[in-house]
Amino acid sequence: MSELKIESISDELRRHNVSPSYPRKRILEYLIQRHNHPTVNTIYDDLIDEIPSLSKTTIYNNLRLFVEKKLVEEITIEGNEKRYDLYNPESHAHFRCISCGKLYDIRLDYADPFNELKDFQVHNLSIHLNGVCPDCINTASAAETNSTSRT
């Protein structure tokens, strides 16, 4: 759904039996346009100027509906911090950088590592990784190089 045209958001909502109110369209559009796995607070902060009547409760309720309708997935990585992403039925992991806090989608490319689950009905797969992202590694390496060259 990430390639969904903004103009067809109303149609996409209707296909999932969701009435396309303006806040719902904007929340879904926000998630389509950004791939930063936002929290409710981030969505609220970014949309409140445009929709002054928007509340965090409205965002929570709509995201809960979107999760139920498989438009969006809820991601909990640390503690109770919930983030949201467009629903993606393909197997992928989430990598959280411990330095900058950015969250990345990591595509999992493997044949069938879950063969033992063949008699089970799996509804969701969540793999969460923590470490340092390439940007932070490069920034740290550059800073180390600069400090070494001064001595």
N, C-alpha and C. Protein backbone atom coordinates (compact mmCIF):
# COMPACT_ATOMS: atom_id res chain seq x y z
N MET A 1 0.81 -1.20 0.00
CA MET A 1 0.00 0.00 0.00
C MET A 1 0.85 1.25 0.00
N SER A 2 2.13 1.16 0.20
CA SER A 2 2.96 2.36 0.26
C SER A 2 2.97 3.12 -1.06
N GLU A 3 2.58 2.49 -2.15
CA GLU A 3 2.55 3.16 -3.44
C GLU A 3 1.19 3.73 -3.74
N LEU A 4 0.31 3.66 -2.77
CA LEU A 4 -1.04 4.17 -2.92
C LEU A 4 -1.01 5.66 -3.23
N LYS A 5 -1.72 6.05 -4.26
CA LYS A 5 -1.81 7.47 -4.62
C LYS A 5 -2.66 8.18 -3.57
N ILE A 6 -2.23 9.36 -3.22
CA ILE A 6 -2.93 10.14 -2.20
C ILE A 6 -4.40 10.33 -2.58
N GLU A 7 -4.69 10.50 -3.87
CA GLU A 7 -6.06 10.73 -4.31
C GLU A 7 -6.96 9.52 -4.05
N SER A 8 -6.38 8.35 -3.93
CA SER A 8 -7.20 7.15 -3.76
C SER A 8 -7.31 6.68 -2.31
N ILE A 9 -6.93 7.52 -1.39
CA ILE A 9 -7.02 7.16 0.03
C ILE A 9 -8.45 6.88 0.43
N SER A 10 -9.37 7.71 -0.02
CA SER A 10 -10.79 7.48 0.30
C SER A 10 -11.24 6.11 -0.20
N ASP A 11 -10.85 5.76 -1.41
CA ASP A 11 -11.22 4.45 -1.96
C ASP A 11 -10.61 3.31 -1.15
N GLU A 12 -9.36 3.49 -0.75
CA GLU A 12 -8.69 2.45 0.05
C GLU A 12 -9.40 2.27 1.39
N LEU A 13 -9.77 3.36 2.02
CA LEU A 13 -10.51 3.28 3.28
C LEU A 13 -11.84 2.55 3.06
N ARG A 14 -12.56 2.91 2.02
CA ARG A 14 -13.84 2.26 1.74
C ARG A 14 -13.66 0.76 1.47
N ARG A 15 -12.59 0.39 0.75
CA ARG A 15 -12.33 -1.04 0.49
C ARG A 15 -12.15 -1.83 1.79
N HIS A 16 -11.71 -1.13 2.82
CA HIS A 16 -11.53 -1.78 4.12
C HIS A 16 -12.71 -1.51 5.05
N ASN A 17 -13.81 -1.06 4.48
CA ASN A 17 -15.04 -0.76 5.25
C ASN A 17 -14.81 0.28 6.33
N VAL A 18 -14.06 1.31 5.97
CA VAL A 18 -13.80 2.43 6.88
C VAL A 18 -14.34 3.69 6.22
N SER A 19 -15.19 4.40 6.92
CA SER A 19 -15.73 5.66 6.40
C SER A 19 -14.60 6.68 6.28
N PRO A 20 -14.44 7.31 5.11
CA PRO A 20 -13.29 8.21 4.89
C PRO A 20 -13.50 9.63 5.41
N SER A 21 -13.48 9.80 6.71
CA SER A 21 -13.56 11.15 7.28
C SER A 21 -12.24 11.88 7.01
N TYR A 22 -12.28 13.18 7.13
CA TYR A 22 -11.06 13.96 6.86
C TYR A 22 -9.90 13.55 7.78
N PRO A 23 -10.12 13.45 9.10
CA PRO A 23 -8.99 13.03 9.96
C PRO A 23 -8.44 11.65 9.58
N ARG A 24 -9.31 10.72 9.24
CA ARG A 24 -8.85 9.39 8.84
C ARG A 24 -8.00 9.45 7.58
N LYS A 25 -8.46 10.23 6.61
CA LYS A 25 -7.70 10.36 5.36
C LYS A 25 -6.33 10.98 5.63
N ARG A 26 -6.29 12.00 6.46
CA ARG A 26 -5.02 12.68 6.74
C ARG A 26 -4.07 11.79 7.54
N ILE A 27 -4.59 11.03 8.50
CA ILE A 27 -3.73 10.14 9.29
C ILE A 27 -3.14 9.07 8.37
N LEU A 28 -3.96 8.47 7.52
CA LEU A 28 -3.46 7.45 6.60
C LEU A 28 -2.49 8.06 5.59
N GLU A 29 -2.82 9.23 5.08
CA GLU A 29 -1.93 9.92 4.15
C GLU A 29 -0.58 10.20 4.81
N TYR A 30 -0.62 10.62 6.06
CA TYR A 30 0.60 10.90 6.82
C TYR A 30 1.49 9.65 6.86
N LEU A 31 0.89 8.51 7.16
CA LEU A 31 1.66 7.26 7.24
C LEU A 31 2.19 6.83 5.87
N ILE A 32 1.43 7.11 4.82
CA ILE A 32 1.88 6.77 3.46
C ILE A 32 3.07 7.63 3.06
N GLN A 33 3.02 8.90 3.42
CA GLN A 33 4.07 9.83 3.00
C GLN A 33 5.35 9.69 3.81
N ARG A 34 5.25 9.22 5.02
CA ARG A 34 6.43 9.12 5.89
C ARG A 34 6.65 7.66 6.27
N HIS A 35 7.88 7.31 6.35
CA HIS A 35 8.21 5.93 6.71
C HIS A 35 9.03 5.92 8.00
N ASN A 36 8.64 6.80 8.92
CA ASN A 36 9.43 6.96 10.14
C ASN A 36 8.82 6.27 11.35
N HIS A 37 7.79 5.43 11.14
CA HIS A 37 7.16 4.68 12.22
C HIS A 37 6.79 5.62 13.38
N PRO A 38 5.92 6.59 13.13
CA PRO A 38 5.63 7.61 14.14
C PRO A 38 4.84 7.08 15.32
N THR A 39 4.96 7.80 16.42
CA THR A 39 4.11 7.57 17.58
C THR A 39 2.86 8.43 17.42
N VAL A 40 1.88 8.22 18.28
CA VAL A 40 0.68 9.06 18.27
C VAL A 40 1.08 10.52 18.50
N ASN A 41 2.01 10.75 19.43
CA ASN A 41 2.44 12.13 19.70
C ASN A 41 3.05 12.79 18.47
N THR A 42 3.84 12.05 17.71
CA THR A 42 4.45 12.60 16.50
C THR A 42 3.39 12.96 15.47
N ILE A 43 2.44 12.06 15.27
CA ILE A 43 1.35 12.33 14.32
C ILE A 43 0.57 13.57 14.77
N TYR A 44 0.25 13.61 16.06
CA TYR A 44 -0.50 14.74 16.61
C TYR A 44 0.25 16.06 16.39
N ASP A 45 1.52 16.08 16.77
CA ASP A 45 2.33 17.30 16.63
C ASP A 45 2.41 17.77 15.18
N ASP A 46 2.48 16.83 14.24
CA ASP A 46 2.61 17.19 12.83
C ASP A 46 1.29 17.60 12.18
N LEU A 47 0.16 17.15 12.72
CA LEU A 47 -1.13 17.44 12.08
C LEU A 47 -1.98 18.48 12.81
N ILE A 48 -1.65 18.83 14.05
CA ILE A 48 -2.52 19.70 14.84
C ILE A 48 -2.69 21.08 14.22
N ASP A 49 -1.67 21.63 13.60
CA ASP A 49 -1.83 22.96 12.98
C ASP A 49 -2.81 22.91 11.81
N GLU A 50 -2.81 21.81 11.09
CA GLU A 50 -3.71 21.65 9.95
C GLU A 50 -5.14 21.32 10.39
N ILE A 51 -5.25 20.53 11.47
CA ILE A 51 -6.56 20.10 11.96
C ILE A 51 -6.66 20.49 13.44
N PRO A 52 -7.02 21.74 13.74
CA PRO A 52 -7.04 22.22 15.13
C PRO A 52 -7.96 21.42 16.06
N SER A 53 -8.98 20.78 15.50
CA SER A 53 -9.91 20.01 16.33
C SER A 53 -9.41 18.60 16.62
N LEU A 54 -8.27 18.23 16.06
CA LEU A 54 -7.71 16.89 16.23
C LEU A 54 -7.30 16.66 17.67
N SER A 55 -7.60 15.47 18.18
CA SER A 55 -7.15 15.11 19.53
C SER A 55 -6.35 13.82 19.46
N LYS A 56 -5.57 13.57 20.49
CA LYS A 56 -4.81 12.32 20.53
C LYS A 56 -5.75 11.13 20.60
N THR A 57 -6.90 11.31 21.26
CA THR A 57 -7.89 10.24 21.33
C THR A 57 -8.39 9.88 19.94
N THR A 58 -8.63 10.88 19.11
CA THR A 58 -9.06 10.64 17.73
C THR A 58 -8.00 9.84 16.98
N ILE A 59 -6.75 10.21 17.17
CA ILE A 59 -5.66 9.49 16.50
C ILE A 59 -5.59 8.06 17.00
N TYR A 60 -5.62 7.86 18.33
CA TYR A 60 -5.58 6.50 18.90
C TYR A 60 -6.73 5.66 18.34
N ASN A 61 -7.94 6.21 18.37
CA ASN A 61 -9.10 5.45 17.91
C ASN A 61 -9.00 5.08 16.44
N ASN A 62 -8.56 6.02 15.62
CA ASN A 62 -8.43 5.73 14.19
C ASN A 62 -7.31 4.74 13.91
N LEU A 63 -6.20 4.86 14.61
CA LEU A 63 -5.12 3.90 14.42
C LEU A 63 -5.55 2.50 14.86
N ARG A 64 -6.30 2.42 15.95
CA ARG A 64 -6.81 1.13 16.41
C ARG A 64 -7.71 0.51 15.33
N LEU A 65 -8.58 1.35 14.73
CA LEU A 65 -9.44 0.88 13.65
C LEU A 65 -8.61 0.44 12.44
N PHE A 66 -7.61 1.22 12.08
CA PHE A 66 -6.74 0.87 10.95
C PHE A 66 -6.01 -0.45 11.19
N VAL A 67 -5.58 -0.68 12.43
CA VAL A 67 -4.91 -1.95 12.76
C VAL A 67 -5.90 -3.10 12.60
N GLU A 68 -7.10 -2.91 13.13
CA GLU A 68 -8.13 -3.94 13.03
C GLU A 68 -8.46 -4.27 11.58
N LYS A 69 -8.45 -3.27 10.72
CA LYS A 69 -8.79 -3.45 9.30
C LYS A 69 -7.57 -3.79 8.44
N LYS A 70 -6.43 -3.98 9.07
CA LYS A 70 -5.17 -4.34 8.38
C LYS A 70 -4.72 -3.28 7.37
N LEU A 71 -4.93 -2.03 7.73
CA LEU A 71 -4.37 -0.91 6.97
C LEU A 71 -3.03 -0.50 7.55
N VAL A 72 -2.91 -0.69 8.86
CA VAL A 72 -1.75 -0.22 9.63
C VAL A 72 -1.36 -1.32 10.60
N GLU A 73 -0.09 -1.37 10.95
CA GLU A 73 0.35 -2.29 12.00
C GLU A 73 0.93 -1.50 13.16
N GLU A 74 0.69 -2.02 14.35
CA GLU A 74 1.22 -1.40 15.56
C GLU A 74 2.52 -2.10 15.91
N ILE A 75 3.53 -1.32 16.22
CA ILE A 75 4.85 -1.86 16.53
C ILE A 75 5.23 -1.43 17.93
N THR A 76 5.51 -2.40 18.80
CA THR A 76 6.00 -2.10 20.14
C THR A 76 7.40 -2.67 20.23
N ILE A 77 8.39 -1.80 20.39
CA ILE A 77 9.78 -2.26 20.40
C ILE A 77 10.36 -2.22 21.80
N GLU A 78 10.18 -1.13 22.48
CA GLU A 78 10.73 -1.00 23.83
C GLU A 78 9.63 -0.58 24.78
N GLY A 79 9.48 -1.33 25.86
CA GLY A 79 8.49 -0.96 26.86
C GLY A 79 7.11 -0.84 26.27
N ASN A 80 6.49 0.30 26.49
CA ASN A 80 5.13 0.48 25.98
C ASN A 80 5.05 1.54 24.88
N GLU A 81 6.18 1.89 24.27
CA GLU A 81 6.17 2.87 23.19
C GLU A 81 5.62 2.21 21.92
N LYS A 82 4.45 2.68 21.51
CA LYS A 82 3.82 2.12 20.32
C LYS A 82 4.07 3.04 19.14
N ARG A 83 4.45 2.42 18.04
CA ARG A 83 4.68 3.14 16.79
C ARG A 83 3.80 2.50 15.72
N TYR A 84 3.62 3.22 14.63
CA TYR A 84 2.69 2.76 13.61
C TYR A 84 3.34 2.79 12.23
N ASP A 85 2.96 1.81 11.42
CA ASP A 85 3.51 1.66 10.09
C ASP A 85 2.40 1.14 9.19
N LEU A 86 2.50 1.37 7.91
CA LEU A 86 1.54 0.78 6.99
C LEU A 86 1.62 -0.73 7.10
N TYR A 87 0.48 -1.38 7.01
CA TYR A 87 0.44 -2.83 7.09
C TYR A 87 1.27 -3.44 5.97
N ASN A 88 2.12 -4.38 6.32
CA ASN A 88 2.98 -5.04 5.35
C ASN A 88 2.95 -6.53 5.64
N PRO A 89 2.25 -7.32 4.81
CA PRO A 89 2.14 -8.75 5.07
C PRO A 89 3.44 -9.52 4.82
N GLU A 90 4.40 -8.89 4.14
CA GLU A 90 5.67 -9.56 3.89
C GLU A 90 6.50 -9.59 5.17
N SER A 91 7.26 -10.64 5.34
CA SER A 91 8.10 -10.76 6.52
C SER A 91 9.17 -9.69 6.53
N HIS A 92 9.20 -8.95 7.60
CA HIS A 92 10.25 -7.95 7.76
C HIS A 92 10.48 -7.73 9.25
N ALA A 93 11.64 -7.22 9.54
CA ALA A 93 12.02 -6.94 10.93
C ALA A 93 12.10 -5.43 11.11
N HIS A 94 12.17 -5.02 12.35
CA HIS A 94 12.37 -3.60 12.66
C HIS A 94 13.68 -3.45 13.41
N PHE A 95 14.50 -2.54 12.95
CA PHE A 95 15.79 -2.25 13.55
C PHE A 95 15.73 -0.87 14.17
N ARG A 96 16.04 -0.79 15.46
CA ARG A 96 16.05 0.50 16.15
C ARG A 96 17.49 0.87 16.47
N CYS A 97 17.89 2.05 16.02
CA CYS A 97 19.23 2.54 16.31
C CYS A 97 19.28 3.04 17.75
N ILE A 98 20.20 2.51 18.53
CA ILE A 98 20.31 2.92 19.93
C ILE A 98 20.99 4.27 20.08
N SER A 99 21.55 4.77 18.99
CA SER A 99 22.21 6.07 19.03
C SER A 99 21.25 7.21 18.69
N CYS A 100 20.56 7.10 17.56
CA CYS A 100 19.67 8.20 17.11
C CYS A 100 18.19 7.90 17.33
N GLY A 101 17.84 6.64 17.63
CA GLY A 101 16.45 6.28 17.89
C GLY A 101 15.63 6.00 16.64
N LYS A 102 16.22 6.14 15.47
CA LYS A 102 15.47 5.92 14.23
C LYS A 102 15.11 4.44 14.08
N LEU A 103 13.95 4.19 13.50
CA LEU A 103 13.45 2.84 13.30
C LEU A 103 13.46 2.52 11.81
N TYR A 104 14.01 1.37 11.44
CA TYR A 104 14.14 0.97 10.05
C TYR A 104 13.36 -0.32 9.80
N ASP A 105 12.76 -0.44 8.61
CA ASP A 105 12.21 -1.72 8.15
C ASP A 105 13.34 -2.49 7.51
N ILE A 106 13.50 -3.74 7.88
CA ILE A 106 14.53 -4.61 7.32
C ILE A 106 13.82 -5.80 6.67
N ARG A 107 13.94 -5.90 5.35
CA ARG A 107 13.30 -7.00 4.64
C ARG A 107 14.02 -8.30 4.98
N LEU A 108 13.25 -9.33 5.28
CA LEU A 108 13.83 -10.63 5.59
C LEU A 108 13.79 -11.47 4.32
N ASP A 109 14.93 -11.92 3.90
CA ASP A 109 15.03 -12.68 2.66
C ASP A 109 15.54 -14.08 2.99
N TYR A 110 14.64 -15.00 3.10
CA TYR A 110 15.01 -16.37 3.42
C TYR A 110 13.94 -17.31 2.86
N ALA A 111 14.29 -18.56 2.71
CA ALA A 111 13.37 -19.53 2.12
C ALA A 111 12.22 -19.85 3.07
N ASP A 112 12.46 -20.64 4.10
CA ASP A 112 11.41 -21.00 5.04
C ASP A 112 12.01 -21.38 6.39
N PRO A 113 12.46 -20.42 7.16
CA PRO A 113 13.08 -20.74 8.44
C PRO A 113 12.07 -21.17 9.50
N PHE A 114 10.79 -21.03 9.19
CA PHE A 114 9.77 -21.36 10.17
C PHE A 114 9.04 -22.65 9.81
N ASN A 115 9.75 -23.58 9.21
CA ASN A 115 9.17 -24.84 8.78
C ASN A 115 8.50 -25.58 9.94
N GLU A 116 9.04 -25.43 11.14
CA GLU A 116 8.48 -26.11 12.31
C GLU A 116 7.07 -25.61 12.63
N LEU A 117 6.69 -24.48 12.08
CA LEU A 117 5.37 -23.91 12.35
C LEU A 117 4.34 -24.29 11.30
N LYS A 118 4.65 -25.29 10.47
CA LYS A 118 3.75 -25.61 9.35
C LYS A 118 2.35 -26.00 9.79
N ASP A 119 2.18 -26.53 10.99
CA ASP A 119 0.85 -26.91 11.48
C ASP A 119 0.18 -25.81 12.28
N PHE A 120 0.84 -24.67 12.39
CA PHE A 120 0.30 -23.53 13.13
C PHE A 120 -0.25 -22.50 12.16
N GLN A 121 -1.12 -21.67 12.65
CA GLN A 121 -1.61 -20.54 11.86
C GLN A 121 -1.00 -19.28 12.46
N VAL A 122 0.02 -18.74 11.79
CA VAL A 122 0.73 -17.56 12.28
C VAL A 122 0.01 -16.31 11.78
N HIS A 123 -0.34 -15.42 12.69
CA HIS A 123 -1.03 -14.18 12.32
C HIS A 123 -0.08 -13.00 12.24
N ASN A 124 1.01 -13.08 12.95
CA ASN A 124 1.92 -11.95 12.97
C ASN A 124 3.32 -12.44 13.31
N LEU A 125 4.30 -11.83 12.69
CA LEU A 125 5.69 -12.12 12.97
C LEU A 125 6.36 -10.82 13.35
N SER A 126 6.97 -10.78 14.53
CA SER A 126 7.65 -9.56 14.97
C SER A 126 9.08 -9.88 15.34
N ILE A 127 9.99 -9.27 14.63
CA ILE A 127 11.40 -9.40 14.95
C ILE A 127 11.93 -7.99 15.15
N HIS A 128 12.49 -7.76 16.33
CA HIS A 128 12.99 -6.43 16.67
C HIS A 128 14.49 -6.52 16.94
N LEU A 129 15.23 -5.68 16.27
CA LEU A 129 16.68 -5.65 16.41
C LEU A 129 17.10 -4.29 16.95
N ASN A 130 18.12 -4.28 17.78
CA ASN A 130 18.69 -3.03 18.28
C ASN A 130 20.17 -3.01 17.94
N GLY A 131 20.66 -1.83 17.63
CA GLY A 131 22.07 -1.67 17.30
C GLY A 131 22.34 -0.25 16.86
N VAL A 132 23.36 -0.07 16.05
CA VAL A 132 23.74 1.27 15.57
C VAL A 132 23.58 1.28 14.05
N CYS A 133 22.89 2.30 13.55
CA CYS A 133 22.62 2.41 12.11
C CYS A 133 23.86 2.90 11.36
N PRO A 134 23.90 2.71 10.04
CA PRO A 134 25.06 3.15 9.25
C PRO A 134 25.35 4.65 9.38
N ASP A 135 24.31 5.48 9.44
CA ASP A 135 24.54 6.92 9.58
C ASP A 135 25.29 7.24 10.86
N CYS A 136 24.87 6.62 11.97
CA CYS A 136 25.53 6.89 13.25
C CYS A 136 26.94 6.30 13.29
N ILE A 137 27.12 5.14 12.65
CA ILE A 137 28.46 4.56 12.57
C ILE A 137 29.38 5.49 11.80
N ASN A 138 28.89 6.01 10.67
CA ASN A 138 29.70 6.92 9.86
C ASN A 138 29.99 8.22 10.60
N THR A 139 29.01 8.74 11.31
CA THR A 139 29.21 9.97 12.09
C THR A 139 30.24 9.75 13.18
N ALA A 140 30.14 8.61 13.88
CA ALA A 140 31.10 8.29 14.94
C ALA A 140 32.50 8.09 14.36
N SER A 141 32.58 7.42 13.21
CA SER A 141 33.89 7.20 12.57
C SER A 141 34.51 8.52 12.14
N ALA A 142 33.69 9.41 11.59
CA ALA A 142 34.20 10.72 11.16
C ALA A 142 34.68 11.53 12.36
N ALA A 143 33.93 11.49 13.45
CA ALA A 143 34.32 12.22 14.65
C ALA A 143 35.62 11.66 15.22
N GLU A 144 35.74 10.33 15.20
CA GLU A 144 36.95 9.69 15.70
C GLU A 144 38.15 10.04 14.83
N THR A 145 37.95 10.06 13.52
CA THR A 145 39.02 10.42 12.58
C THR A 145 39.47 11.85 12.82
N ASN A 146 38.52 12.76 13.00
CA ASN A 146 38.85 14.17 13.25
C ASN A 146 39.61 14.35 14.56
N SER A 147 39.19 13.64 15.61
CA SER A 147 39.88 13.80 16.89
C SER A 147 41.26 13.16 16.85
N THR A 148 41.44 12.08 16.10
CA THR A 148 42.74 11.42 15.97
C THR A 148 43.70 12.29 15.16
N SER A 149 43.19 12.95 14.13
CA SER A 149 44.07 13.76 13.28
C SER A 149 44.56 15.01 13.99
N ARG A 150 43.89 15.44 15.04
CA ARG A 150 44.31 16.63 15.79
C ARG A 150 45.42 16.33 16.79
N THR A 151 45.58 15.07 17.14
CA THR A 151 46.59 14.74 18.16
C THR A 151 47.93 14.44 17.56
